[in-house]
N, C-alpha and C. Protein backbone atom coordinates (compact mmCIF):
# COMPACT_ATOMS: atom_id res chain seq x y z
N MET A 1 -29.92 -10.64 46.90
CA MET A 1 -30.86 -9.40 46.17
C MET A 1 -31.66 -10.38 44.84
N SER A 2 -33.10 -9.94 44.86
CA SER A 2 -33.76 -10.44 43.73
C SER A 2 -33.50 -9.73 42.62
N GLU A 3 -33.96 -10.19 41.58
CA GLU A 3 -33.77 -9.92 40.17
C GLU A 3 -35.06 -9.06 39.91
N HIS A 4 -34.75 -7.80 38.81
CA HIS A 4 -36.11 -7.33 38.98
C HIS A 4 -36.16 -7.24 37.34
N ALA A 5 -37.49 -7.32 36.75
CA ALA A 5 -37.38 -7.07 35.39
C ALA A 5 -37.46 -5.76 34.48
N ARG A 6 -37.06 -5.51 33.47
CA ARG A 6 -36.67 -4.41 32.81
C ARG A 6 -37.39 -4.46 31.90
N PHE A 7 -38.07 -3.22 31.46
CA PHE A 7 -39.11 -3.00 30.07
C PHE A 7 -38.34 -1.70 29.16
N ASN A 8 -38.67 -2.35 28.02
CA ASN A 8 -38.08 -1.35 27.10
C ASN A 8 -39.29 -1.35 26.10
N VAL A 9 -39.53 0.08 25.69
CA VAL A 9 -40.71 0.69 24.91
C VAL A 9 -40.15 0.54 23.31
N ARG A 10 -40.70 -0.07 22.71
CA ARG A 10 -40.22 0.12 20.85
C ARG A 10 -41.83 0.51 20.44
N PHE A 11 -41.92 1.65 19.64
CA PHE A 11 -42.81 2.38 18.60
C PHE A 11 -42.34 1.76 17.43
N VAL A 12 -43.83 0.91 17.23
CA VAL A 12 -43.52 0.76 15.36
C VAL A 12 -44.91 1.33 14.64
N ASP A 13 -45.36 0.90 13.40
CA ASP A 13 -45.94 1.79 12.66
C ASP A 13 -47.60 1.26 13.46
N LYS A 14 -47.20 -0.03 13.60
CA LYS A 14 -48.93 -0.50 13.74
C LYS A 14 -49.15 -0.74 15.30
N GLY A 15 -48.27 -0.16 16.22
CA GLY A 15 -48.48 -0.45 17.79
C GLY A 15 -47.15 -0.32 18.45
N VAL A 16 -47.27 -0.70 19.62
CA VAL A 16 -45.64 -0.56 20.53
C VAL A 16 -45.88 -1.95 20.75
N ILE A 17 -44.27 -2.36 21.02
CA ILE A 17 -43.60 -3.31 21.38
C ILE A 17 -43.12 -3.07 22.68
N LEU A 18 -43.64 -4.08 23.83
CA LEU A 18 -42.80 -3.92 24.94
C LEU A 18 -41.76 -4.86 25.41
N ASP A 19 -40.56 -4.68 25.26
CA ASP A 19 -39.82 -6.22 25.66
C ASP A 19 -39.48 -6.18 27.32
N VAL A 20 -39.53 -7.25 27.39
CA VAL A 20 -39.53 -7.55 29.37
C VAL A 20 -38.28 -8.54 29.27
N GLN A 21 -37.59 -7.99 30.06
CA GLN A 21 -36.10 -8.64 30.51
C GLN A 21 -36.53 -9.36 31.96
N GLY A 22 -36.16 -10.51 32.55
CA GLY A 22 -36.07 -10.75 33.75
C GLY A 22 -37.35 -10.96 34.30
N PRO A 23 -37.99 -11.75 35.56
CA PRO A 23 -38.80 -12.37 36.09
C PRO A 23 -40.11 -11.40 36.41
N VAL A 24 -41.14 -12.01 36.04
CA VAL A 24 -42.45 -11.43 36.19
C VAL A 24 -43.12 -12.05 37.22
N ARG A 25 -43.29 -11.81 38.17
CA ARG A 25 -43.75 -12.32 39.73
C ARG A 25 -44.38 -11.59 40.68
N LEU A 26 -44.78 -11.72 41.67
CA LEU A 26 -45.62 -11.16 42.65
C LEU A 26 -44.46 -10.01 43.10
N GLY A 27 -45.16 -8.86 43.11
CA GLY A 27 -44.52 -7.78 43.77
C GLY A 27 -43.90 -6.53 42.62
N GLU A 28 -43.16 -5.84 42.63
CA GLU A 28 -42.53 -4.93 41.80
C GLU A 28 -42.71 -5.28 40.31
N THR A 29 -42.69 -6.10 40.05
CA THR A 29 -42.10 -6.71 38.73
C THR A 29 -43.56 -6.36 37.93
N GLU A 30 -44.84 -7.60 38.41
CA GLU A 30 -46.05 -7.52 38.00
C GLU A 30 -46.67 -6.15 37.96
N GLN A 31 -46.58 -5.84 38.95
CA GLN A 31 -46.96 -4.49 39.28
C GLN A 31 -46.44 -3.13 38.14
N ALA A 32 -45.27 -3.24 37.93
CA ALA A 32 -44.46 -2.40 36.78
C ALA A 32 -45.13 -3.07 35.55
N LEU A 33 -45.24 -4.12 35.12
CA LEU A 33 -45.73 -4.50 34.08
C LEU A 33 -47.27 -3.99 33.72
N ARG A 34 -47.82 -4.13 34.47
CA ARG A 34 -49.47 -3.44 34.68
C ARG A 34 -49.44 -1.96 34.32
N GLU A 35 -48.55 -1.29 34.83
CA GLU A 35 -48.24 0.29 35.39
C GLU A 35 -48.03 0.71 33.74
N LYS A 36 -46.90 -0.13 33.19
CA LYS A 36 -46.48 0.12 31.98
C LYS A 36 -47.44 0.24 31.13
N VAL A 37 -48.02 -0.93 30.91
CA VAL A 37 -49.32 -0.95 30.14
C VAL A 37 -50.31 -0.16 29.99
N GLN A 38 -50.77 -0.01 31.22
CA GLN A 38 -51.74 1.41 31.43
C GLN A 38 -51.53 2.75 30.93
N GLU A 39 -50.14 3.11 31.22
CA GLU A 39 -49.42 4.21 30.45
C GLU A 39 -49.40 4.20 28.97
N LEU A 40 -49.23 3.12 28.47
CA LEU A 40 -49.42 2.95 27.07
C LEU A 40 -50.59 3.38 26.40
N VAL A 41 -51.43 2.80 27.12
CA VAL A 41 -53.11 2.78 26.83
C VAL A 41 -53.79 4.11 27.02
N ALA A 42 -53.30 4.94 28.34
CA ALA A 42 -53.94 5.97 28.39
C ALA A 42 -52.90 7.00 27.45
N ALA A 43 -51.90 6.74 26.85
CA ALA A 43 -51.10 7.60 25.89
C ALA A 43 -51.91 7.30 24.51
N GLY A 44 -52.73 6.62 24.33
CA GLY A 44 -54.02 6.37 23.11
C GLY A 44 -53.06 5.26 22.26
N ASN A 45 -52.02 4.31 22.88
CA ASN A 45 -51.55 3.17 21.97
C ASN A 45 -52.67 1.98 22.42
N ARG A 46 -53.05 1.78 20.75
CA ARG A 46 -54.39 0.45 21.17
C ARG A 46 -53.52 -0.90 20.98
N ASN A 47 -52.33 -0.72 20.10
CA ASN A 47 -51.92 -2.21 19.96
C ASN A 47 -50.63 -2.45 20.43
N ILE A 48 -50.85 -3.35 21.79
CA ILE A 48 -49.48 -3.59 22.11
C ILE A 48 -49.12 -5.00 22.27
N ALA A 49 -47.78 -5.14 21.70
CA ALA A 49 -47.19 -6.78 21.78
C ALA A 49 -46.21 -6.74 22.56
N VAL A 50 -45.94 -7.76 23.35
CA VAL A 50 -45.43 -8.05 24.62
C VAL A 50 -44.11 -8.95 24.47
N ASN A 51 -43.03 -8.87 24.10
CA ASN A 51 -42.00 -9.74 23.96
C ASN A 51 -41.15 -10.39 25.27
N LEU A 52 -41.78 -11.78 25.36
CA LEU A 52 -41.46 -12.41 26.53
C LEU A 52 -40.08 -13.13 26.01
N SER A 53 -39.51 -12.89 25.20
CA SER A 53 -38.29 -13.78 25.02
C SER A 53 -37.02 -13.54 26.00
N GLY A 54 -37.39 -12.53 27.08
CA GLY A 54 -36.08 -12.67 28.14
C GLY A 54 -36.91 -12.71 29.34
N VAL A 55 -38.08 -13.08 29.31
CA VAL A 55 -38.62 -13.34 30.53
C VAL A 55 -38.03 -15.32 31.12
N THR A 56 -37.60 -14.57 32.53
CA THR A 56 -36.84 -15.96 33.03
C THR A 56 -37.99 -16.67 33.78
N MET A 57 -38.97 -15.90 34.11
CA MET A 57 -39.73 -16.71 35.14
C MET A 57 -41.19 -15.91 35.21
N LEU A 58 -42.30 -16.44 35.03
CA LEU A 58 -43.82 -16.18 35.13
C LEU A 58 -44.44 -17.12 36.32
N ASP A 59 -44.95 -16.56 37.11
CA ASP A 59 -45.52 -16.56 38.34
C ASP A 59 -47.09 -16.19 38.29
N SER A 60 -47.93 -16.72 39.00
CA SER A 60 -49.50 -16.27 39.20
C SER A 60 -49.48 -15.48 38.81
N SER A 61 -49.06 -14.48 39.80
CA SER A 61 -49.17 -12.69 39.83
C SER A 61 -49.00 -12.34 38.37
N GLY A 62 -47.77 -12.46 37.74
CA GLY A 62 -47.47 -12.08 36.31
C GLY A 62 -48.53 -12.45 35.43
N ILE A 63 -49.15 -14.06 35.35
CA ILE A 63 -50.12 -14.43 34.75
C ILE A 63 -51.11 -13.08 35.07
N GLY A 64 -51.37 -12.82 36.27
CA GLY A 64 -52.48 -12.35 36.35
C GLY A 64 -52.30 -10.85 35.78
N ALA A 65 -51.08 -10.46 35.64
CA ALA A 65 -50.87 -8.81 35.21
C ALA A 65 -51.18 -8.74 33.98
N MET A 66 -50.73 -10.13 32.95
CA MET A 66 -51.06 -10.55 31.71
C MET A 66 -52.72 -10.35 31.38
N VAL A 67 -53.27 -11.06 32.25
CA VAL A 67 -54.52 -11.04 32.02
C VAL A 67 -55.27 -9.55 32.29
N ARG A 68 -55.08 -9.07 33.31
CA ARG A 68 -55.17 -7.55 33.50
C ARG A 68 -55.16 -6.77 32.26
N SER A 69 -53.55 -6.74 31.64
CA SER A 69 -53.37 -5.89 30.86
C SER A 69 -54.13 -6.45 29.54
N PHE A 70 -54.24 -7.85 29.03
CA PHE A 70 -55.11 -7.86 27.96
C PHE A 70 -56.34 -7.31 27.99
N THR A 71 -57.19 -7.40 29.09
CA THR A 71 -58.64 -7.33 29.30
C THR A 71 -59.04 -5.52 29.19
N SER A 72 -57.75 -4.66 29.73
CA SER A 72 -57.65 -3.36 29.37
C SER A 72 -57.82 -2.73 28.16
N VAL A 73 -56.59 -3.80 27.51
CA VAL A 73 -56.23 -3.24 26.32
C VAL A 73 -57.60 -3.58 25.07
N ASN A 74 -58.06 -4.65 25.40
CA ASN A 74 -59.33 -4.95 25.05
C ASN A 74 -60.48 -4.19 25.10
N ARG A 75 -60.70 -3.38 26.45
CA ARG A 75 -62.02 -2.65 26.60
C ARG A 75 -61.82 -1.62 25.32
N GLY A 76 -60.46 -0.99 25.35
CA GLY A 76 -60.07 0.01 24.76
C GLY A 76 -60.12 -0.15 23.34
N GLY A 77 -60.69 -1.39 22.69
CA GLY A 77 -60.98 -1.51 21.48
C GLY A 77 -59.86 -1.70 20.42
N GLY A 78 -58.52 -2.41 21.40
CA GLY A 78 -56.99 -2.43 20.91
C GLY A 78 -56.76 -4.08 20.77
N LYS A 79 -55.68 -4.40 20.43
CA LYS A 79 -55.23 -5.95 20.44
C LYS A 79 -53.98 -6.12 21.44
N PHE A 80 -53.95 -6.91 22.23
CA PHE A 80 -53.30 -7.09 23.04
C PHE A 80 -52.18 -8.84 23.04
N VAL A 81 -50.88 -8.53 22.51
CA VAL A 81 -50.48 -10.24 22.35
C VAL A 81 -49.35 -10.34 22.60
N ILE A 82 -48.87 -11.67 22.71
CA ILE A 82 -47.60 -11.77 23.57
C ILE A 82 -46.83 -12.54 22.15
N PHE A 83 -45.55 -12.30 22.36
CA PHE A 83 -44.74 -13.42 21.53
C PHE A 83 -43.27 -13.57 22.01
N SER A 84 -42.91 -14.88 21.66
CA SER A 84 -41.59 -14.99 21.51
C SER A 84 -41.14 -15.80 23.10
N PRO A 85 -42.21 -16.69 23.81
CA PRO A 85 -42.05 -16.95 25.11
C PRO A 85 -41.28 -17.94 24.80
N THR A 86 -40.32 -18.22 26.14
CA THR A 86 -39.43 -19.51 26.10
C THR A 86 -40.16 -20.67 26.26
N LYS A 87 -39.41 -21.53 25.78
CA LYS A 87 -40.50 -23.14 26.26
C LYS A 87 -41.03 -23.14 27.61
N MET A 88 -40.26 -22.93 28.60
CA MET A 88 -41.05 -23.05 29.93
C MET A 88 -42.14 -22.01 30.27
N ILE A 89 -41.98 -20.94 29.57
CA ILE A 89 -42.72 -19.98 29.69
C ILE A 89 -44.41 -20.40 28.87
N ARG A 90 -43.77 -20.75 27.63
CA ARG A 90 -44.84 -21.18 26.92
C ARG A 90 -45.96 -22.19 27.60
N GLN A 91 -45.16 -23.31 28.13
CA GLN A 91 -45.66 -24.57 29.08
C GLN A 91 -46.52 -23.85 30.35
N THR A 92 -46.04 -22.98 31.05
CA THR A 92 -46.64 -22.39 31.75
C THR A 92 -48.05 -21.76 31.38
N LEU A 93 -47.92 -20.87 30.25
CA LEU A 93 -49.24 -20.22 29.70
C LEU A 93 -50.18 -21.52 29.24
N LYS A 94 -49.52 -22.41 28.97
CA LYS A 94 -50.51 -23.68 28.30
C LYS A 94 -51.35 -24.47 29.49
N MET A 95 -50.23 -24.57 30.38
CA MET A 95 -50.64 -25.03 31.79
C MET A 95 -51.86 -24.33 32.56
N VAL A 96 -51.82 -22.92 32.65
CA VAL A 96 -53.02 -22.26 33.11
C VAL A 96 -53.96 -21.98 31.94
N ARG A 97 -53.87 -22.83 30.79
CA ARG A 97 -55.01 -22.11 29.62
C ARG A 97 -54.98 -20.89 29.21
N LEU A 98 -53.95 -20.38 29.41
CA LEU A 98 -53.73 -18.73 28.81
C LEU A 98 -53.57 -18.72 27.15
N ASP A 99 -53.37 -19.77 26.77
CA ASP A 99 -53.05 -20.10 25.75
C ASP A 99 -54.21 -19.75 24.73
N THR A 100 -55.47 -20.16 25.49
CA THR A 100 -56.78 -20.08 24.95
C THR A 100 -57.44 -18.87 24.99
N ILE A 101 -56.91 -17.88 25.60
CA ILE A 101 -57.10 -16.55 25.93
C ILE A 101 -56.36 -15.47 25.28
N LEU A 102 -55.09 -15.64 25.62
CA LEU A 102 -54.17 -15.04 24.67
C LEU A 102 -53.57 -15.17 23.45
N ALA A 103 -53.39 -14.24 22.60
CA ALA A 103 -52.91 -14.71 21.46
C ALA A 103 -51.18 -14.47 21.45
N ILE A 104 -50.83 -15.91 21.31
CA ILE A 104 -49.25 -15.98 21.45
C ILE A 104 -48.74 -16.59 19.95
N TYR A 105 -47.50 -15.56 19.57
CA TYR A 105 -47.00 -15.78 18.74
C TYR A 105 -45.53 -16.19 18.81
N ASP A 106 -45.07 -16.97 17.47
CA ASP A 106 -43.62 -17.11 17.86
C ASP A 106 -42.70 -16.23 18.00
N ASP A 107 -42.68 -15.31 16.95
CA ASP A 107 -41.96 -13.90 16.53
C ASP A 107 -42.64 -12.68 16.46
N GLU A 108 -41.70 -11.75 16.36
CA GLU A 108 -42.51 -10.26 16.52
C GLU A 108 -43.06 -10.14 15.03
N ALA A 109 -42.73 -10.45 13.97
CA ALA A 109 -43.36 -10.33 12.80
C ALA A 109 -44.78 -10.87 13.10
N ALA A 110 -44.90 -11.75 13.39
CA ALA A 110 -45.94 -12.42 13.23
C ALA A 110 -46.97 -11.82 14.00
N ALA A 111 -46.41 -11.30 15.19
CA ALA A 111 -47.36 -10.64 16.70
C ALA A 111 -47.75 -9.54 15.95
N LEU A 112 -47.02 -8.44 15.22
CA LEU A 112 -47.47 -7.24 14.58
C LEU A 112 -48.12 -7.31 13.05
N ALA A 113 -48.03 -8.74 12.68
CA ALA A 113 -49.12 -9.06 11.51
C ALA A 113 -50.39 -9.36 12.25
N ALA A 114 -50.53 -9.57 13.32
CA ALA A 114 -51.93 -9.82 14.13
C ALA A 114 -52.58 -8.38 14.16
N PHE A 115 -51.94 -7.18 14.37
CA PHE A 115 -52.59 -5.87 14.44
C PHE A 115 -53.50 -5.50 13.31
């Protein structure tokens, strides 16, 4: 049985924090991530910070979902940042040069300060 990602949304004064737990990979989980971000944007939330501390795996589809989320938030005039990636996830993001596109922060406080 495959593990599914879980999402928790926390509203803070400067934006929204989306805590992600589990793998973000092809199929339901990357689609769920995109849909969750779209819902937040549609509801008028412009600044979204994604907490990757609980992400156990990020494949090319998950990376694609991150890029699409970043693009849709940016298009709406907001900011999309990620924070607390594990060492493995950070290496994956660097390997595909996503660290040159996405703002990646070490912790929640730094991510929220970017808004």
